[in-house]
C-alpha atoms as a PDB file:
ATOM      1  CA  MET A   1       0.000   0.000   0.000  1.00  0.00           C
ATOM      2  CA  SER A   2       1.349   3.411  -0.903  1.00  0.00           C
ATOM      3  CA  LYS A   3       1.687   6.228   1.630  1.00  0.00           C
ATOM      4  CA  VAL A   4      -1.017   8.879   1.891  1.00  0.00           C
ATOM      5  CA  GLN A   5       0.345  12.352   1.274  1.00  0.00           C
ATOM      6  CA  ILE A   6      -0.418  15.249   3.627  1.00  0.00           C
ATOM      7  CA  HIS A   7      -3.495  17.275   2.592  1.00  0.00           C
ATOM      8  CA  SER A   8      -4.683  14.592   0.189  1.00  0.00           C
ATOM      9  CA  PRO A   9      -8.018  12.770   0.442  1.00  0.00           C
ATOM     10  CA  SER A  10      -8.003   9.548   2.384  1.00  0.00           C
ATOM     11  CA  PRO A  11      -8.667   6.347   0.476  1.00  0.00           C
ATOM     12  CA  ASP A  12     -12.118   4.913   1.120  1.00  0.00           C
ATOM     13  CA  PHE A  13     -12.251   1.985   3.548  1.00  0.00           C
ATOM     14  CA  ALA A  14     -14.755   0.148   5.743  1.00  0.00           C
ATOM     15  CA  LEU A  15     -14.520  -1.000   9.364  1.00  0.00           C
ATOM     16  CA  GLU A  16     -16.964  -2.471  11.845  1.00  0.00           C
ATOM     17  CA  ASP A  17     -18.496  -0.213  14.486  1.00  0.00           C
ATOM     18  CA  PHE A  18     -19.028  -1.287  18.095  1.00  0.00           C
ATOM     19  CA  ARG A  19     -22.275  -3.028  17.068  1.00  0.00           C
ATOM     20  CA  GLY A  20     -20.537  -5.071  14.369  1.00  0.00           C
ATOM     21  CA  ARG A  21     -22.071  -3.113  11.466  1.00  0.00           C
ATOM     22  CA  ALA A  22     -19.876  -2.073   8.538  1.00  0.00           C
ATOM     23  CA  VAL A  23     -19.215   1.674   8.340  1.00  0.00           C
ATOM     24  CA  GLN A  24     -17.549   3.151   5.275  1.00  0.00           C
ATOM     25  CA  LEU A  25     -15.540   6.380   5.298  1.00  0.00           C
ATOM     26  CA  SER A  26     -17.398   7.591   2.204  1.00  0.00           C
ATOM     27  CA  ASP A  27     -20.669   7.430   4.212  1.00  0.00           C
ATOM     28  CA  PHE A  28     -19.544  10.617   5.985  1.00  0.00           C
ATOM     29  CA  PHE A  29     -18.366  12.568   2.926  1.00  0.00           C
ATOM     30  CA  SER A  30     -19.742  16.146   3.062  1.00  0.00           C
ATOM     31  CA  LYS A  31     -21.790  15.275   6.175  1.00  0.00           C
ATOM     32  CA  LYS A  32     -19.406  15.167   9.144  1.00  0.00           C
ATOM     33  CA  ASN A  33     -15.785  15.750  10.064  1.00  0.00           C
ATOM     34  CA  VAL A  34     -13.776  12.581  10.524  1.00  0.00           C
ATOM     35  CA  VAL A  35     -10.617  12.241  12.617  1.00  0.00           C
ATOM     36  CA  LEU A  36      -8.399   9.243  11.939  1.00  0.00           C
ATOM     37  CA  VAL A  37      -6.031   8.124  14.693  1.00  0.00           C
ATOM     38  CA  PHE A  38      -3.431   5.453  14.148  1.00  0.00           C
ATOM     39  CA  ASN A  39      -1.973   4.118  17.393  1.00  0.00           C
ATOM     40  CA  ARG A  40       1.388   2.414  17.273  1.00  0.00           C
ATOM     41  CA  GLY A  41       0.279  -0.054  19.919  1.00  0.00           C
ATOM     42  CA  PHE A  42       0.400  -0.474  23.625  1.00  0.00           C
ATOM     43  CA  SER A  43       2.830  -2.556  25.576  1.00  0.00           C
END
């Protein structure tokens, strides 16, 4: 997978919410602000 450049649109992807339903990033386009956080992990 290639790196995402700063100030460029995020690629569309889907993840499960806490209820197990699929949520796609594009579902929020022009509706809400989205903050993506990538944790390196906890030890």
